[in-house]
PDB file of N, CA and C in Angstrom:
ATOM      1  N   UNK A   1      -1.883  26.893  -3.835  1.00  0.00           N
ATOM      2  CA  UNK A   1      -0.887  25.905  -4.214  1.00  0.00           C
ATOM      3  C   UNK A   1       0.293  25.982  -3.269  1.00  0.00           C
ATOM      4  N   UNK A   2       0.823  24.838  -2.939  1.00  0.00           N
ATOM      5  CA  UNK A   2       1.936  24.776  -2.012  1.00  0.00           C
ATOM      6  C   UNK A   2       3.236  25.103  -2.722  1.00  0.00           C
ATOM      7  N   UNK A   3       4.118  25.728  -1.999  1.00  0.00           N
ATOM      8  CA  UNK A   3       5.445  26.000  -2.513  1.00  0.00           C
ATOM      9  C   UNK A   3       6.376  25.007  -1.844  1.00  0.00           C
ATOM     10  N   UNK A   4       7.145  24.295  -2.613  1.00  0.00           N
ATOM     11  CA  UNK A   4       8.040  23.280  -2.073  1.00  0.00           C
ATOM     12  C   UNK A   4       9.415  23.890  -1.864  1.00  0.00           C
ATOM     13  N   UNK A   5       9.926  23.745  -0.681  1.00  0.00           N
ATOM     14  CA  UNK A   5      11.248  24.241  -0.336  1.00  0.00           C
ATOM     15  C   UNK A   5      12.117  23.033  -0.018  1.00  0.00           C
ATOM     16  N   UNK A   6      13.149  22.815  -0.801  1.00  0.00           N
ATOM     17  CA  UNK A   6      14.053  21.703  -0.575  1.00  0.00           C
ATOM     18  C   UNK A   6      15.321  22.238   0.076  1.00  0.00           C
ATOM     19  N   UNK A   7      15.531  21.832   1.300  1.00  0.00           N
ATOM     20  CA  UNK A   7      16.690  22.286   2.045  1.00  0.00           C
ATOM     21  C   UNK A   7      17.297  21.072   2.742  1.00  0.00           C
ATOM     22  N   UNK A   8      18.596  20.838   2.597  1.00  0.00           N
ATOM     23  CA  UNK A   8      19.209  19.726   3.317  1.00  0.00           C
ATOM     24  C   UNK A   8      18.979  19.876   4.823  1.00  0.00           C
ATOM     25  N   UNK A   9      18.707  18.762   5.481  1.00  0.00           N
ATOM     26  CA  UNK A   9      18.361  18.791   6.910  1.00  0.00           C
ATOM     27  C   UNK A   9      19.403  19.516   7.745  1.00  0.00           C
ATOM     28  N   UNK A  10      20.678  19.263   7.493  1.00  0.00           N
ATOM     29  CA  UNK A  10      21.704  19.884   8.326  1.00  0.00           C
ATOM     30  C   UNK A  10      21.710  21.406   8.179  1.00  0.00           C
ATOM     31  N   UNK A  11      21.353  21.920   7.006  1.00  0.00           N
ATOM     32  CA  UNK A  11      21.302  23.375   6.818  1.00  0.00           C
ATOM     33  C   UNK A  11      20.069  23.971   7.476  1.00  0.00           C
ATOM     34  N   UNK A  12      18.940  23.283   7.404  1.00  0.00           N
ATOM     35  CA  UNK A  12      17.709  23.762   8.028  1.00  0.00           C
ATOM     36  C   UNK A  12      17.892  23.868   9.532  1.00  0.00           C
ATOM     37  N   UNK A  13      18.556  22.880  10.115  1.00  0.00           N
ATOM     38  CA  UNK A  13      18.751  22.876  11.560  1.00  0.00           C
ATOM     39  C   UNK A  13      19.744  23.944  12.001  1.00  0.00           C
ATOM     40  N   UNK A  14      20.758  24.199  11.179  1.00  0.00           N
ATOM     41  CA  UNK A  14      21.746  25.217  11.529  1.00  0.00           C
ATOM     42  C   UNK A  14      21.128  26.611  11.525  1.00  0.00           C
ATOM     43  N   UNK A  15      20.401  26.905  10.453  1.00  0.00           N
ATOM     44  CA  UNK A  15      19.854  28.250  10.286  1.00  0.00           C
ATOM     45  C   UNK A  15      18.693  28.186   9.310  1.00  0.00           C
ATOM     46  N   UNK A  16      17.467  28.270   9.809  1.00  0.00           N
ATOM     47  CA  UNK A  16      16.326  28.239   8.897  1.00  0.00           C
ATOM     48  C   UNK A  16      16.387  29.392   7.900  1.00  0.00           C
ATOM     49  N   UNK A  17      15.985  29.125   6.673  1.00  0.00           N
ATOM     50  CA  UNK A  17      15.992  30.123   5.604  1.00  0.00           C
ATOM     51  C   UNK A  17      14.686  30.917   5.632  1.00  0.00           C
ATOM     52  N   UNK A  18      14.698  32.088   6.201  1.00  0.00           N
ATOM     53  CA  UNK A  18      13.509  32.940   6.223  1.00  0.00           C
ATOM     54  C   UNK A  18      12.374  32.326   7.014  1.00  0.00           C
ATOM     55  N   UNK A  19      11.187  32.389   6.442  1.00  0.00           N
ATOM     56  CA  UNK A  19      10.001  31.863   7.083  1.00  0.00           C
ATOM     57  C   UNK A  19      10.093  30.349   7.229  1.00  0.00           C
ATOM     58  N   UNK A  20       9.625  29.833   8.331  1.00  0.00           N
ATOM     59  CA  UNK A  20       9.654  28.389   8.558  1.00  0.00           C
ATOM     60  C   UNK A  20       8.594  27.702   7.702  1.00  0.00           C
ATOM     61  N   UNK A  21       8.824  26.437   7.362  1.00  0.00           N
ATOM     62  CA  UNK A  21       7.824  25.706   6.573  1.00  0.00           C
ATOM     63  C   UNK A  21       6.588  25.390   7.413  1.00  0.00           C
ATOM     64  N   UNK A  22       5.487  25.119   6.741  1.00  0.00           N
ATOM     65  CA  UNK A  22       4.258  24.730   7.433  1.00  0.00           C
ATOM     66  C   UNK A  22       4.277  23.250   7.802  1.00  0.00           C
ATOM     67  N   UNK A  23       4.895  22.424   6.975  1.00  0.00           N
ATOM     68  CA  UNK A  23       5.105  21.014   7.277  1.00  0.00           C
ATOM     69  C   UNK A  23       6.497  20.631   6.794  1.00  0.00           C
ATOM     70  N   UNK A  24       6.991  19.526   7.328  1.00  0.00           N
ATOM     71  CA  UNK A  24       8.317  19.034   6.940  1.00  0.00           C
ATOM     72  C   UNK A  24       8.186  17.585   6.513  1.00  0.00           C
ATOM     73  N   UNK A  25       8.687  17.267   5.313  1.00  0.00           N
ATOM     74  CA  UNK A  25       8.786  15.884   4.867  1.00  0.00           C
ATOM     75  C   UNK A  25      10.211  15.447   5.162  1.00  0.00           C
ATOM     76  N   UNK A  26      10.350  14.421   5.984  1.00  0.00           N
ATOM     77  CA  UNK A  26      11.677  13.988   6.424  1.00  0.00           C
ATOM     78  C   UNK A  26      11.948  12.564   5.971  1.00  0.00           C
ATOM     79  N   UNK A  27      12.952  12.407   5.130  1.00  0.00           N
ATOM     80  CA  UNK A  27      13.387  11.084   4.687  1.00  0.00           C
ATOM     81  C   UNK A  27      14.316  10.534   5.765  1.00  0.00           C
ATOM     82  N   UNK A  28      14.045   9.322   6.229  1.00  0.00           N
ATOM     83  CA  UNK A  28      14.908   8.737   7.263  1.00  0.00           C
ATOM     84  C   UNK A  28      16.290   8.382   6.735  1.00  0.00           C
ATOM     85  N   UNK A  29      16.418   8.194   5.429  1.00  0.00           N
ATOM     86  CA  UNK A  29      17.704   7.815   4.833  1.00  0.00           C
ATOM     87  C   UNK A  29      18.422   9.056   4.331  1.00  0.00           C
ATOM     88  N   UNK A  30      19.019   9.776   5.236  1.00  0.00           N
ATOM     89  CA  UNK A  30      19.726  11.002   4.873  1.00  0.00           C
ATOM     90  C   UNK A  30      21.209  10.717   4.705  1.00  0.00           C
ATOM     91  N   UNK A  31      21.860  11.410   3.759  1.00  0.00           N
ATOM     92  CA  UNK A  31      23.278  11.146   3.510  1.00  0.00           C
ATOM     93  C   UNK A  31      24.211  11.626   4.617  1.00  0.00           C
ATOM     94  N   UNK A  32      23.895  12.732   5.279  1.00  0.00           N
ATOM     95  CA  UNK A  32      24.814  13.292   6.270  1.00  0.00           C
ATOM     96  C   UNK A  32      24.375  13.090   7.713  1.00  0.00           C
ATOM     97  N   UNK A  33      23.094  12.857   7.927  1.00  0.00           N
ATOM     98  CA  UNK A  33      22.572  12.756   9.287  1.00  0.00           C
ATOM     99  C   UNK A  33      21.606  11.585   9.372  1.00  0.00           C
ATOM    100  N   UNK A  34      21.446  11.050  10.559  1.00  0.00           N
ATOM    101  CA  UNK A  34      20.458  10.021  10.816  1.00  0.00           C
ATOM    102  C   UNK A  34      19.092  10.698  10.914  1.00  0.00           C
ATOM    103  N   UNK A  35      18.124  10.230  10.120  1.00  0.00           N
ATOM    104  CA  UNK A  35      16.799  10.836  10.102  1.00  0.00           C
ATOM    105  C   UNK A  35      16.112  10.836  11.461  1.00  0.00           C
ATOM    106  N   UNK A  36      16.320   9.793  12.240  1.00  0.00           N
ATOM    107  CA  UNK A  36      15.732   9.728  13.591  1.00  0.00           C
ATOM    108  C   UNK A  36      16.301  10.851  14.468  1.00  0.00           C
ATOM    109  N   UNK A  37      17.594  11.100  14.325  1.00  0.00           N
ATOM    110  CA  UNK A  37      18.226  12.186  15.087  1.00  0.00           C
ATOM    111  C   UNK A  37      17.685  13.541  14.662  1.00  0.00           C
ATOM    112  N   UNK A  38      17.450  13.702  13.350  1.00  0.00           N
ATOM    113  CA  UNK A  38      16.895  14.959  12.849  1.00  0.00           C
ATOM    114  C   UNK A  38      15.501  15.174  13.434  1.00  0.00           C
ATOM    115  N   UNK A  39      14.668  14.131  13.437  1.00  0.00           N
ATOM    116  CA  UNK A  39      13.324  14.240  14.006  1.00  0.00           C
ATOM    117  C   UNK A  39      13.387  14.657  15.474  1.00  0.00           C
ATOM    118  N   UNK A  40      14.232  14.001  16.232  1.00  0.00           N
ATOM    119  CA  UNK A  40      14.377  14.325  17.662  1.00  0.00           C
ATOM    120  C   UNK A  40      14.829  15.777  17.839  1.00  0.00           C
ATOM    121  N   UNK A  41      15.783  16.207  17.030  1.00  0.00           N
ATOM    122  CA  UNK A  41      16.290  17.575  17.107  1.00  0.00           C
ATOM    123  C   UNK A  41      15.192  18.576  16.772  1.00  0.00           C
ATOM    124  N   UNK A  42      14.429  18.295  15.716  1.00  0.00           N
ATOM    125  CA  UNK A  42      13.336  19.191  15.332  1.00  0.00           C
ATOM    126  C   UNK A  42      12.323  19.343  16.458  1.00  0.00           C
ATOM    127  N   UNK A  43      11.940  18.235  17.063  1.00  0.00           N
ATOM    128  CA  UNK A  43      10.897  18.274  18.079  1.00  0.00           C
ATOM    129  C   UNK A  43      11.394  18.816  19.419  1.00  0.00           C
ATOM    130  N   UNK A  44      12.707  18.942  19.573  1.00  0.00           N
ATOM    131  CA  UNK A  44      13.264  19.546  20.787  1.00  0.00           C
ATOM    132  C   UNK A  44      13.652  21.006  20.585  1.00  0.00           C
ATOM    133  N   UNK A  45      13.430  21.519  19.381  1.00  0.00           N
ATOM    134  CA  UNK A  45      13.766  22.902  19.050  1.00  0.00           C
ATOM    135  C   UNK A  45      12.481  23.720  19.023  1.00  0.00           C
ATOM    136  N   UNK A  46      12.407  24.761  19.820  1.00  0.00           N
ATOM    137  CA  UNK A  46      11.187  25.565  19.927  1.00  0.00           C
ATOM    138  C   UNK A  46      10.735  26.119  18.575  1.00  0.00           C
ATOM    139  N   UNK A  47      11.672  26.382  17.660  1.00  0.00           N
ATOM    140  CA  UNK A  47      11.305  26.922  16.344  1.00  0.00           C
ATOM    141  C   UNK A  47      10.528  25.910  15.503  1.00  0.00           C
ATOM    142  N   UNK A  48      10.804  24.627  15.675  1.00  0.00           N
ATOM    143  CA  UNK A  48      10.234  23.587  14.830  1.00  0.00           C
ATOM    144  C   UNK A  48       9.204  22.715  15.546  1.00  0.00           C
ATOM    145  N   UNK A  49       9.094  22.844  16.842  1.00  0.00           N
ATOM    146  CA  UNK A  49       8.302  21.923  17.655  1.00  0.00           C
ATOM    147  C   UNK A  49       6.864  21.757  17.167  1.00  0.00           C
ATOM    148  N   UNK A  50       6.207  22.849  16.778  1.00  0.00           N
ATOM    149  CA  UNK A  50       4.799  22.784  16.392  1.00  0.00           C
ATOM    150  C   UNK A  50       4.599  22.406  14.927  1.00  0.00           C
ATOM    151  N   UNK A  51       5.650  22.324  14.147  1.00  0.00           N
ATOM    152  CA  UNK A  51       5.527  22.013  12.717  1.00  0.00           C
ATOM    153  C   UNK A  51       5.353  20.502  12.541  1.00  0.00           C
ATOM    154  N   UNK A  52       4.282  20.078  11.846  1.00  0.00           N
ATOM    155  CA  UNK A  52       4.104  18.642  11.611  1.00  0.00           C
ATOM    156  C   UNK A  52       5.248  18.081  10.763  1.00  0.00           C
ATOM    157  N   UNK A  53       5.782  16.945  11.197  1.00  0.00           N
ATOM    158  CA  UNK A  53       6.848  16.265  10.462  1.00  0.00           C
ATOM    159  C   UNK A  53       6.286  14.948   9.938  1.00  0.00           C
ATOM    160  N   UNK A  54       6.328  14.777   8.629  1.00  0.00           N
ATOM    161  CA  UNK A  54       5.874  13.554   7.988  1.00  0.00           C
ATOM    162  C   UNK A  54       7.110  12.769   7.596  1.00  0.00           C
ATOM    163  N   UNK A  55       7.219  11.564   8.133  1.00  0.00           N
ATOM    164  CA  UNK A  55       8.362  10.708   7.851  1.00  0.00           C
ATOM    165  C   UNK A  55       8.119   9.965   6.556  1.00  0.00           C
ATOM    166  N   UNK A  56       9.145   9.915   5.712  1.00  0.00           N
ATOM    167  CA  UNK A  56       9.092   9.119   4.493  1.00  0.00           C
ATOM    168  C   UNK A  56      10.265   8.143   4.553  1.00  0.00           C
ATOM    169  N   UNK A  57       9.955   6.859   4.365  1.00  0.00           N
ATOM    170  CA  UNK A  57      10.985   5.841   4.493  1.00  0.00           C
ATOM    171  C   UNK A  57      10.752   4.723   3.491  1.00  0.00           C
ATOM    172  N   UNK A  58      11.808   4.003   3.178  1.00  0.00           N
ATOM    173  CA  UNK A  58      11.689   2.814   2.338  1.00  0.00           C
ATOM    174  C   UNK A  58      11.211   1.625   3.153  1.00  0.00           C
ATOM    175  N   UNK A  59      11.284   1.737   4.464  1.00  0.00           N
ATOM    176  CA  UNK A  59      10.988   0.617   5.352  1.00  0.00           C
ATOM    177  C   UNK A  59       9.754   0.886   6.206  1.00  0.00           C
ATOM    178  N   UNK A  60       8.967  -0.144   6.381  1.00  0.00           N
ATOM    179  CA  UNK A  60       7.821  -0.067   7.287  1.00  0.00           C
ATOM    180  C   UNK A  60       8.082  -0.877   8.538  1.00  0.00           C
ATOM    181  N   UNK A  61       9.363  -1.036   8.886  1.00  0.00           N
ATOM    182  CA  UNK A  61       9.733  -1.831  10.056  1.00  0.00           C
ATOM    183  C   UNK A  61       9.073  -1.285  11.316  1.00  0.00           C
ATOM    184  N   UNK A  62       8.404  -2.152  12.039  1.00  0.00           N
ATOM    185  CA  UNK A  62       7.666  -1.773  13.235  1.00  0.00           C
ATOM    186  C   UNK A  62       8.436  -0.908  14.212  1.00  0.00           C
ATOM    187  N   UNK A  63       9.676  -1.275  14.564  1.00  0.00           N
ATOM    188  CA  UNK A  63      10.420  -0.443  15.517  1.00  0.00           C
ATOM    189  C   UNK A  63      10.666   0.981  15.007  1.00  0.00           C
ATOM    190  N   UNK A  64      10.936   1.142  13.718  1.00  0.00           N
ATOM    191  CA  UNK A  64      11.129   2.493  13.155  1.00  0.00           C
ATOM    192  C   UNK A  64       9.848   3.305  13.257  1.00  0.00           C
ATOM    193  N   UNK A  65       8.737   2.696  12.881  1.00  0.00           N
ATOM    194  CA  UNK A  65       7.445   3.389  12.912  1.00  0.00           C
ATOM    195  C   UNK A  65       7.135   3.824  14.338  1.00  0.00           C
ATOM    196  N   UNK A  66       7.245   2.903  15.274  1.00  0.00           N
ATOM    197  CA  UNK A  66       6.948   3.206  16.677  1.00  0.00           C
ATOM    198  C   UNK A  66       7.860   4.304  17.209  1.00  0.00           C
ATOM    199  N   UNK A  67       9.147   4.216  16.897  1.00  0.00           N
ATOM    200  CA  UNK A  67      10.100   5.225  17.363  1.00  0.00           C
ATOM    201  C   UNK A  67       9.736   6.607  16.838  1.00  0.00           C
ATOM    202  N   UNK A  68       9.377   6.693  15.561  1.00  0.00           N
ATOM    203  CA  UNK A  68       9.036   7.996  14.975  1.00  0.00           C
ATOM    204  C   UNK A  68       7.797   8.596  15.626  1.00  0.00           C
ATOM    205  N   UNK A  69       6.779   7.789  15.858  1.00  0.00           N
ATOM    206  CA  UNK A  69       5.585   8.315  16.522  1.00  0.00           C
ATOM    207  C   UNK A  69       5.879   8.706  17.970  1.00  0.00           C
ATOM    208  N   UNK A  70       6.742   7.979  18.634  1.00  0.00           N
ATOM    209  CA  UNK A  70       7.133   8.358  20.000  1.00  0.00           C
ATOM    210  C   UNK A  70       7.891   9.674  20.024  1.00  0.00           C
ATOM    211  N   UNK A  71       8.547   9.990  18.912  1.00  0.00           N
ATOM    212  CA  UNK A  71       9.273  11.265  18.788  1.00  0.00           C
ATOM    213  C   UNK A  71       8.395  12.347  18.159  1.00  0.00           C
ATOM    214  N   UNK A  72       7.089  12.124  18.113  1.00  0.00           N
ATOM    215  CA  UNK A  72       6.077  13.107  17.696  1.00  0.00           C
ATOM    216  C   UNK A  72       6.017  13.369  16.199  1.00  0.00           C
ATOM    217  N   UNK A  73       6.308  12.354  15.389  1.00  0.00           N
ATOM    218  CA  UNK A  73       6.060  12.489  13.953  1.00  0.00           C
ATOM    219  C   UNK A  73       4.549  12.579  13.747  1.00  0.00           C
ATOM    220  N   UNK A  74       4.132  13.381  12.787  1.00  0.00           N
ATOM    221  CA  UNK A  74       2.701  13.514  12.490  1.00  0.00           C
ATOM    222  C   UNK A  74       2.192  12.329  11.674  1.00  0.00           C
ATOM    223  N   UNK A  75       3.067  11.732  10.866  1.00  0.00           N
ATOM    224  CA  UNK A  75       2.697  10.572  10.051  1.00  0.00           C
ATOM    225  C   UNK A  75       3.956   9.860   9.599  1.00  0.00           C
ATOM    226  N   UNK A  76       3.804   8.589   9.260  1.00  0.00           N
ATOM    227  CA  UNK A  76       4.909   7.767   8.762  1.00  0.00           C
ATOM    228  C   UNK A  76       4.431   7.125   7.464  1.00  0.00           C
ATOM    229  N   UNK A  77       5.098   7.431   6.359  1.00  0.00           N
ATOM    230  CA  UNK A  77       4.705   6.914   5.054  1.00  0.00           C
ATOM    231  C   UNK A  77       5.845   6.114   4.437  1.00  0.00           C
ATOM    232  N   UNK A  78       5.486   5.031   3.773  1.00  0.00           N
ATOM    233  CA  UNK A  78       6.474   4.277   3.010  1.00  0.00           C
ATOM    234  C   UNK A  78       6.542   4.928   1.626  1.00  0.00           C
ATOM    235  N   UNK A  79       7.752   5.295   1.225  1.00  0.00           N
ATOM    236  CA  UNK A  79       7.933   5.997  -0.051  1.00  0.00           C
ATOM    237  C   UNK A  79       7.497   5.119  -1.216  1.00  0.00           C
ATOM    238  N   UNK A  80       6.647   5.678  -2.079  1.00  0.00           N
ATOM    239  CA  UNK A  80       6.274   4.933  -3.290  1.00  0.00           C
ATOM    240  C   UNK A  80       7.505   4.697  -4.153  1.00  0.00           C
ATOM    241  N   UNK A  81       7.487   3.575  -4.875  1.00  0.00           N
ATOM    242  CA  UNK A  81       8.659   3.210  -5.662  1.00  0.00           C
ATOM    243  C   UNK A  81       8.749   3.930  -7.007  1.00  0.00           C
ATOM    244  N   UNK A  82       7.630   4.371  -7.564  1.00  0.00           N
ATOM    245  CA  UNK A  82       7.731   5.071  -8.844  1.00  0.00           C
ATOM    246  C   UNK A  82       7.322   6.535  -8.685  1.00  0.00           C
ATOM    247  N   UNK A  83       7.809   7.353  -9.592  1.00  0.00           N
ATOM    248  CA  UNK A  83       7.670   8.809  -9.482  1.00  0.00           C
ATOM    249  C   UNK A  83       6.217   9.269  -9.544  1.00  0.00           C
ATOM    250  N   UNK A  84       5.379   8.630 -10.325  1.00  0.00           N
ATOM    251  CA  UNK A  84       3.981   9.071 -10.416  1.00  0.00           C
ATOM    252  C   UNK A  84       3.251   8.819  -9.099  1.00  0.00           C
ATOM    253  N   UNK A  85       3.514   7.704  -8.465  1.00  0.00           N
ATOM    254  CA  UNK A  85       2.891   7.420  -7.159  1.00  0.00           C
ATOM    255  C   UNK A  85       3.466   8.343  -6.075  1.00  0.00           C
ATOM    256  N   UNK A  86       4.743   8.692  -6.212  1.00  0.00           N
ATOM    257  CA  UNK A  86       5.370   9.620  -5.270  1.00  0.00           C
ATOM    258  C   UNK A  86       4.697  10.996  -5.376  1.00  0.00           C
ATOM    259  N   UNK A  87       4.508  11.458  -6.604  1.00  0.00           N
ATOM    260  CA  UNK A  87       3.826  12.746  -6.813  1.00  0.00           C
ATOM    261  C   UNK A  87       2.405  12.711  -6.277  1.00  0.00           C
ATOM    262  N   UNK A  88       1.725  11.595  -6.470  1.00  0.00           N
ATOM    263  CA  UNK A  88       0.362  11.446  -5.955  1.00  0.00           C
ATOM    264  C   UNK A  88       0.356  11.519  -4.428  1.00  0.00           C
ATOM    265  N   UNK A  89       1.330  10.878  -3.794  1.00  0.00           N
ATOM    266  CA  UNK A  89       1.429  10.920  -2.333  1.00  0.00           C
ATOM    267  C   UNK A  89       1.657  12.348  -1.845  1.00  0.00           C
ATOM    268  N   UNK A  90       2.532  13.078  -2.515  1.00  0.00           N
ATOM    269  CA  UNK A  90       2.794  14.474  -2.138  1.00  0.00           C
ATOM    270  C   UNK A  90       1.528  15.308  -2.307  1.00  0.00           C
ATOM    271  N   UNK A  91       0.796  15.077  -3.380  1.00  0.00           N
ATOM    272  CA  UNK A  91      -0.450  15.798  -3.613  1.00  0.00           C
ATOM    273  C   UNK A  91      -1.468  15.526  -2.496  1.00  0.00           C
ATOM    274  N   UNK A  92      -1.569  14.281  -2.070  1.00  0.00           N
ATOM    275  CA  UNK A  92      -2.489  13.940  -0.982  1.00  0.00           C
ATOM    276  C   UNK A  92      -2.063  14.584   0.344  1.00  0.00           C
ATOM    277  N   UNK A  93      -0.765  14.627   0.597  1.00  0.00           N
ATOM    278  CA  UNK A  93      -0.254  15.285   1.810  1.00  0.00           C
ATOM    279  C   UNK A  93      -0.619  16.764   1.767  1.00  0.00           C
ATOM    280  N   UNK A  94      -0.385  17.409   0.617  1.00  0.00           N
ATOM    281  CA  UNK A  94      -0.733  18.826   0.474  1.00  0.00           C
ATOM    282  C   UNK A  94      -2.217  19.060   0.693  1.00  0.00           C
ATOM    283  N   UNK A  95      -3.057  18.237   0.090  1.00  0.00           N
ATOM    284  CA  UNK A  95      -4.507  18.400   0.250  1.00  0.00           C
ATOM    285  C   UNK A  95      -4.913  18.262   1.714  1.00  0.00           C
ATOM    286  N   UNK A  96      -4.377  17.260   2.384  1.00  0.00           N
ATOM    287  CA  UNK A  96      -4.749  17.076   3.784  1.00  0.00           C
ATOM    288  C   UNK A  96      -4.306  18.250   4.646  1.00  0.00           C
ATOM    289  N   UNK A  97      -3.025  18.588   4.583  1.00  0.00           N
ATOM    290  CA  UNK A  97      -2.505  19.613   5.487  1.00  0.00           C
ATOM    291  C   UNK A  97      -2.908  21.030   5.117  1.00  0.00           C
ATOM    292  N   UNK A  98      -3.149  21.315   3.838  1.00  0.00           N
ATOM    293  CA  UNK A  98      -3.412  22.691   3.438  1.00  0.00           C
ATOM    294  C   UNK A  98      -4.869  22.970   3.068  1.00  0.00           C
ATOM    295  N   UNK A  99      -5.696  21.919   3.033  1.00  0.00           N
ATOM    296  CA  UNK A  99      -7.113  22.124   2.774  1.00  0.00           C
ATOM    297  C   UNK A  99      -7.952  21.652   3.958  1.00  0.00           C
ATOM    298  N   UNK A 100      -7.706  20.438   4.442  1.00  0.00           N
ATOM    299  CA  UNK A 100      -8.530  19.868   5.501  1.00  0.00           C
ATOM    300  C   UNK A 100      -8.063  20.226   6.913  1.00  0.00           C
ATOM    301  N   UNK A 101      -6.774  20.153   7.154  1.00  0.00           N
ATOM    302  CA  UNK A 101      -6.248  20.363   8.508  1.00  0.00           C
ATOM    303  C   UNK A 101      -6.116  21.848   8.832  1.00  0.00           C
ATOM    304  N   UNK A 102      -6.186  22.160  10.096  1.00  0.00           N
ATOM    305  CA  UNK A 102      -5.928  23.518  10.578  1.00  0.00           C
ATOM    306  C   UNK A 102      -4.524  23.508  11.162  1.00  0.00           C
ATOM    307  N   UNK A 103      -3.666  24.363  10.610  1.00  0.00           N
ATOM    308  CA  UNK A 103      -2.286  24.454  11.086  1.00  0.00           C
ATOM    309  C   UNK A 103      -2.184  25.513  12.175  1.00  0.00           C
ATOM    310  N   UNK A 104      -1.123  25.472  12.982  1.00  0.00           N
ATOM    311  CA  UNK A 104      -0.971  26.448  14.065  1.00  0.00           C
ATOM    312  C   UNK A 104      -1.008  27.884  13.571  1.00  0.00           C
ATOM    313  N   UNK A 105      -1.444  28.777  14.439  1.00  0.00           N
ATOM    314  CA  UNK A 105      -1.456  30.209  14.116  1.00  0.00           C
ATOM    315  C   UNK A 105      -0.051  30.619  13.702  1.00  0.00           C
ATOM    316  N   UNK A 106       0.016  31.529  12.739  1.00  0.00           N
ATOM    317  CA  UNK A 106       1.317  31.996  12.266  1.00  0.00           C
ATOM    318  C   UNK A 106       1.692  31.374  10.945  1.00  0.00           C
ATOM    319  N   UNK A 107       0.972  30.323  10.526  1.00  0.00           N
ATOM    320  CA  UNK A 107       1.237  29.751   9.213  1.00  0.00           C
ATOM    321  C   UNK A 107       0.766  30.751   8.161  1.00  0.00           C
ATOM    322  N   UNK A 108       1.567  30.926   7.161  1.00  0.00           N
ATOM    323  CA  UNK A 108       1.221  31.886   6.112  1.00  0.00           C
ATOM    324  C   UNK A 108       0.185  31.347   5.160  1.00  0.00           C
ATOM    325  N   UNK A 109      -0.264  32.170   4.257  1.00  0.00           N
ATOM    326  CA  UNK A 109      -1.230  31.724   3.276  1.00  0.00           C
ATOM    327  C   UNK A 109      -0.593  30.880   2.190  1.00  0.00           C
ATOM    328  N   UNK A 110       0.699  31.057   1.961  1.00  0.00           N
ATOM    329  CA  UNK A 110       1.407  30.226   1.001  1.00  0.00           C
ATOM    330  C   UNK A 110       2.084  29.098   1.751  1.00  0.00           C
ATOM    331  N   UNK A 111       1.568  27.936   1.568  1.00  0.00           N
ATOM    332  CA  UNK A 111       2.102  26.772   2.277  1.00  0.00           C
ATOM    333  C   UNK A 111       3.462  26.403   1.707  1.00  0.00           C
ATOM    334  N   UNK A 112       4.369  25.971   2.579  1.00  0.00           N
ATOM    335  CA  UNK A 112       5.682  25.544   2.144  1.00  0.00           C
ATOM    336  C   UNK A 112       5.979  24.193   2.763  1.00  0.00           C
ATOM    337  N   UNK A 113       6.613  23.359   2.015  1.00  0.00           N
ATOM    338  CA  UNK A 113       7.016  22.045   2.497  1.00  0.00           C
ATOM    339  C   UNK A 113       8.538  22.012   2.504  1.00  0.00           C
ATOM    340  N   UNK A 114       9.117  21.677   3.615  1.00  0.00           N
ATOM    341  CA  UNK A 114      10.568  21.459   3.667  1.00  0.00           C
ATOM    342  C   UNK A 114      10.789  19.977   3.533  1.00  0.00           C
ATOM    343  N   UNK A 115      11.562  19.558   2.563  1.00  0.00           N
ATOM    344  CA  UNK A 115      11.797  18.135   2.327  1.00  0.00           C
ATOM    345  C   UNK A 115      13.281  17.882   2.383  1.00  0.00           C
TER     346      UNK A 115
END
C-alpha cells in the first residue's frame, strides 16, 4: 500500500523531508507558486530529476499539456470533479506506478506520493 505524503511544493523544494517520494502529484494551481515553475525546478534538480511527476489540473488546454510534457512530466491528468472519482484516479495511479511500472533503483518498498 502506498503512503501518501502531503507537502507544500515550496517546502519540498527548499528541503525534502527525509526519503524522497517515488512519484509526485503536482497540481498546477498552487497558492504560492506557479505549478509550471515547480515542474521545471523539479526536473532541473538532481534530487528530483528521476522522480515521475504527474500533473493534475482543472484544464486540458493544449498549450498547458504540451508545455508540461516538454518539461518532462510523466503524465497530465484533468482532476475529477467529485471526490469518489478523484480517489479512483489516485488508486489507478498507485496501481500503475507501484504494481506495473518499474521505478528507478533506490525506490523503497513503501511507495510514497508527494502531492
